[in-house]
Amino acid sequence: MESYAYGMWPFVVINAGIFIFFVFSYLKPKKRREWRSMGAFSAFAVALFTEMYGFPLTIYILISTLGSKYPVIDPFTHVNGHLWVALAGGFYVCLGISNVAQLGSYHWWAGNNG
């Protein structure tokens, strides 16, 4: 049985802190506009690592909408955190779709630029 794979809040704090500290030490904002940009980046970093390690908000919201159509999806398992795999019906189905799209785009690009 799979366990709950989210809720690693120390990783959220550590990684967001490292990224924010790095950008802060590199850019050194002085003007109000620069501080505003730094605040936007900080919010992005916190949101990014919250989604990665804390709680998958996107999955939670989509499961509440798609729950009646896909009742087997349990949003609290790490495997179902990969939304396209869960919605496509499995890893190999998603892999096949991805490979067809990649090969098709390669042939299209080669035909137009060859």
C-alpha atoms as a PDB file:
ATOM      1  CA  MET A   1       0.000   0.000   0.000  1.00  0.00           C
ATOM      2  CA  GLU A   2       1.263   3.440  -0.902  1.00  0.00           C
ATOM      3  CA  SER A   3       1.875   5.975   1.797  1.00  0.00           C
ATOM      4  CA  TYR A   4       1.168   9.670   1.895  1.00  0.00           C
ATOM      5  CA  ALA A   5       4.114  11.135  -0.014  1.00  0.00           C
ATOM      6  CA  TYR A   6       3.572  14.833   0.616  1.00  0.00           C
ATOM      7  CA  GLY A   7       3.917  17.081   3.628  1.00  0.00           C
ATOM      8  CA  MET A   8       7.698  17.417   3.692  1.00  0.00           C
ATOM      9  CA  TRP A   9       7.549  20.968   5.031  1.00  0.00           C
ATOM     10  CA  PRO A  10      11.206  21.175   6.115  1.00  0.00           C
ATOM     11  CA  PHE A  11      12.194  20.681   2.452  1.00  0.00           C
ATOM     12  CA  VAL A  12       9.825  23.492   1.450  1.00  0.00           C
ATOM     13  CA  VAL A  13      11.413  25.908   3.921  1.00  0.00           C
ATOM     14  CA  ILE A  14      15.014  24.889   3.183  1.00  0.00           C
ATOM     15  CA  ASN A  15      14.742  24.925  -0.621  1.00  0.00           C
ATOM     16  CA  ALA A  16      12.713  28.135  -0.813  1.00  0.00           C
ATOM     17  CA  GLY A  17      15.160  29.772   1.600  1.00  0.00           C
ATOM     18  CA  ILE A  18      18.185  28.700  -0.443  1.00  0.00           C
ATOM     19  CA  PHE A  19      16.698  29.964  -3.714  1.00  0.00           C
ATOM     20  CA  ILE A  20      15.520  33.261  -2.230  1.00  0.00           C
ATOM     21  CA  PHE A  21      18.861  33.824  -0.480  1.00  0.00           C
ATOM     22  CA  PHE A  22      20.787  33.115  -3.690  1.00  0.00           C
ATOM     23  CA  VAL A  23      18.725  35.529  -5.768  1.00  0.00           C
ATOM     24  CA  PHE A  24      18.785  38.155  -2.994  1.00  0.00           C
ATOM     25  CA  SER A  25      22.566  37.971  -2.662  1.00  0.00           C
ATOM     26  CA  TYR A  26      23.064  38.096  -6.427  1.00  0.00           C
ATOM     27  CA  LEU A  27      20.629  40.879  -7.350  1.00  0.00           C
ATOM     28  CA  LYS A  28      20.728  43.045  -4.187  1.00  0.00           C
ATOM     29  CA  PRO A  29      17.498  45.007  -4.745  1.00  0.00           C
ATOM     30  CA  LYS A  30      17.663  48.710  -3.866  1.00  0.00           C
ATOM     31  CA  LYS A  31      14.714  50.473  -5.476  1.00  0.00           C
ATOM     32  CA  ARG A  32      11.053  49.860  -4.725  1.00  0.00           C
ATOM     33  CA  ARG A  33      10.496  48.289  -8.136  1.00  0.00           C
ATOM     34  CA  GLU A  34      13.367  45.836  -7.568  1.00  0.00           C
ATOM     35  CA  TRP A  35      11.948  44.870  -4.157  1.00  0.00           C
ATOM     36  CA  ARG A  36       8.575  44.268  -5.791  1.00  0.00           C
ATOM     37  CA  SER A  37      10.195  41.956  -8.343  1.00  0.00           C
ATOM     38  CA  MET A  38      12.061  40.197  -5.533  1.00  0.00           C
ATOM     39  CA  GLY A  39       8.773  39.713  -3.703  1.00  0.00           C
ATOM     40  CA  ALA A  40       7.178  38.220  -6.813  1.00  0.00           C
ATOM     41  CA  PHE A  41      10.087  35.813  -7.217  1.00  0.00           C
ATOM     42  CA  SER A  42       9.918  34.882  -3.527  1.00  0.00           C
ATOM     43  CA  ALA A  43       6.202  34.125  -3.835  1.00  0.00           C
ATOM     44  CA  PHE A  44       6.921  31.995  -6.904  1.00  0.00           C
ATOM     45  CA  ALA A  45       9.676  30.052  -5.101  1.00  0.00           C
ATOM     46  CA  VAL A  46       7.472  29.375  -2.085  1.00  0.00           C
ATOM     47  CA  ALA A  47       4.562  28.292  -4.301  1.00  0.00           C
ATOM     48  CA  LEU A  48       6.845  26.066  -6.384  1.00  0.00           C
ATOM     49  CA  PHE A  49       8.309  24.201  -3.437  1.00  0.00           C
ATOM     50  CA  THR A  50       4.950  23.992  -1.691  1.00  0.00           C
ATOM     51  CA  GLU A  51       3.577  22.212  -4.749  1.00  0.00           C
ATOM     52  CA  MET A  52       6.638  19.951  -4.974  1.00  0.00           C
ATOM     53  CA  TYR A  53       7.037  18.920  -1.353  1.00  0.00           C
ATOM     54  CA  GLY A  54       4.139  20.287   0.656  1.00  0.00           C
ATOM     55  CA  PHE A  55       0.695  19.744  -0.789  1.00  0.00           C
ATOM     56  CA  PRO A  56      -0.256  19.424  -4.462  1.00  0.00           C
ATOM     57  CA  LEU A  57      -2.865  22.189  -4.682  1.00  0.00           C
ATOM     58  CA  THR A  58      -3.393  21.785  -8.415  1.00  0.00           C
ATOM     59  CA  ILE A  59      -4.106  18.085  -8.028  1.00  0.00           C
ATOM     60  CA  TYR A  60      -6.419  18.746  -5.097  1.00  0.00           C
ATOM     61  CA  ILE A  61      -8.466  21.310  -7.043  1.00  0.00           C
ATOM     62  CA  LEU A  62      -8.685  19.203 -10.216  1.00  0.00           C
ATOM     63  CA  ILE A  63      -9.625  16.057  -8.303  1.00  0.00           C
ATOM     64  CA  SER A  64     -12.472  17.909  -6.631  1.00  0.00           C
ATOM     65  CA  THR A  65     -13.750  18.810 -10.111  1.00  0.00           C
ATOM     66  CA  LEU A  66     -13.005  15.503 -11.853  1.00  0.00           C
ATOM     67  CA  GLY A  67     -13.754  13.238  -8.883  1.00  0.00           C
ATOM     68  CA  SER A  68     -17.042  11.962 -10.262  1.00  0.00           C
ATOM     69  CA  LYS A  69     -15.513  11.141 -13.670  1.00  0.00           C
ATOM     70  CA  TYR A  70     -12.364   9.525 -12.262  1.00  0.00           C
ATOM     71  CA  PRO A  71     -13.381   8.052  -8.908  1.00  0.00           C
ATOM     72  CA  VAL A  72     -10.359   5.727  -8.671  1.00  0.00           C
ATOM     73  CA  ILE A  73      -7.904   8.595  -8.452  1.00  0.00           C
ATOM     74  CA  ASP A  74      -6.664   9.159  -4.921  1.00  0.00           C
ATOM     75  CA  PRO A  75      -4.962  12.561  -4.811  1.00  0.00           C
ATOM     76  CA  PHE A  76      -3.022  11.724  -1.661  1.00  0.00           C
ATOM     77  CA  THR A  77      -0.744   9.128  -3.262  1.00  0.00           C
ATOM     78  CA  HIS A  78       2.481  10.105  -4.938  1.00  0.00           C
ATOM     79  CA  VAL A  79       1.753   8.042  -8.049  1.00  0.00           C
ATOM     80  CA  ASN A  80      -1.426   9.999  -8.766  1.00  0.00           C
ATOM     81  CA  GLY A  81       0.440  13.262  -8.332  1.00  0.00           C
ATOM     82  CA  HIS A  82       1.377  12.872 -11.992  1.00  0.00           C
ATOM     83  CA  LEU A  83      -1.930  14.099 -13.365  1.00  0.00           C
ATOM     84  CA  TRP A  84      -1.431  13.236 -17.047  1.00  0.00           C
ATOM     85  CA  VAL A  85      -0.524   9.653 -16.217  1.00  0.00           C
ATOM     86  CA  ALA A  86      -3.563   9.277 -13.983  1.00  0.00           C
ATOM     87  CA  LEU A  87      -5.946  10.808 -16.524  1.00  0.00           C
ATOM     88  CA  ALA A  88      -4.515   8.966 -19.564  1.00  0.00           C
ATOM     89  CA  GLY A  89      -4.974   5.593 -17.908  1.00  0.00           C
ATOM     90  CA  GLY A  90      -1.439   4.622 -17.009  1.00  0.00           C
ATOM     91  CA  PHE A  91       2.230   5.232 -17.516  1.00  0.00           C
ATOM     92  CA  TYR A  92       2.578   3.314 -20.776  1.00  0.00           C
ATOM     93  CA  VAL A  93      -0.387   5.050 -22.409  1.00  0.00           C
ATOM     94  CA  CYS A  94       1.085   8.435 -21.526  1.00  0.00           C
ATOM     95  CA  LEU A  95       4.529   7.306 -22.711  1.00  0.00           C
ATOM     96  CA  GLY A  96       3.080   6.192 -26.055  1.00  0.00           C
ATOM     97  CA  ILE A  97       1.277   9.498 -26.580  1.00  0.00           C
ATOM     98  CA  SER A  98       4.454  11.382 -25.701  1.00  0.00           C
ATOM     99  CA  ASN A  99       6.583   9.343 -28.116  1.00  0.00           C
ATOM    100  CA  VAL A 100       4.116   9.795 -30.976  1.00  0.00           C
ATOM    101  CA  ALA A 101       4.042  13.558 -30.357  1.00  0.00           C
ATOM    102  CA  GLN A 102       7.838  13.765 -30.253  1.00  0.00           C
ATOM    103  CA  LEU A 103       8.362  11.725 -33.405  1.00  0.00           C
ATOM    104  CA  GLY A 104       5.617  13.616 -35.232  1.00  0.00           C
ATOM    105  CA  SER A 105       7.111  16.974 -34.347  1.00  0.00           C
ATOM    106  CA  TYR A 106      10.582  15.765 -35.385  1.00  0.00           C
ATOM    107  CA  HIS A 107       9.309  14.613 -38.786  1.00  0.00           C
ATOM    108  CA  TRP A 108       7.389  17.859 -39.239  1.00  0.00           C
ATOM    109  CA  TRP A 109      10.462  19.929 -38.330  1.00  0.00           C
ATOM    110  CA  ALA A 110      12.768  17.859 -40.553  1.00  0.00           C
ATOM    111  CA  GLY A 111      10.340  18.181 -43.464  1.00  0.00           C
ATOM    112  CA  ASN A 112      10.113  21.972 -43.146  1.00  0.00           C
ATOM    113  CA  ASN A 113      13.820  22.607 -42.500  1.00  0.00           C
ATOM    114  CA  GLY A 114      15.428  19.846 -44.524  1.00  0.00           C
END
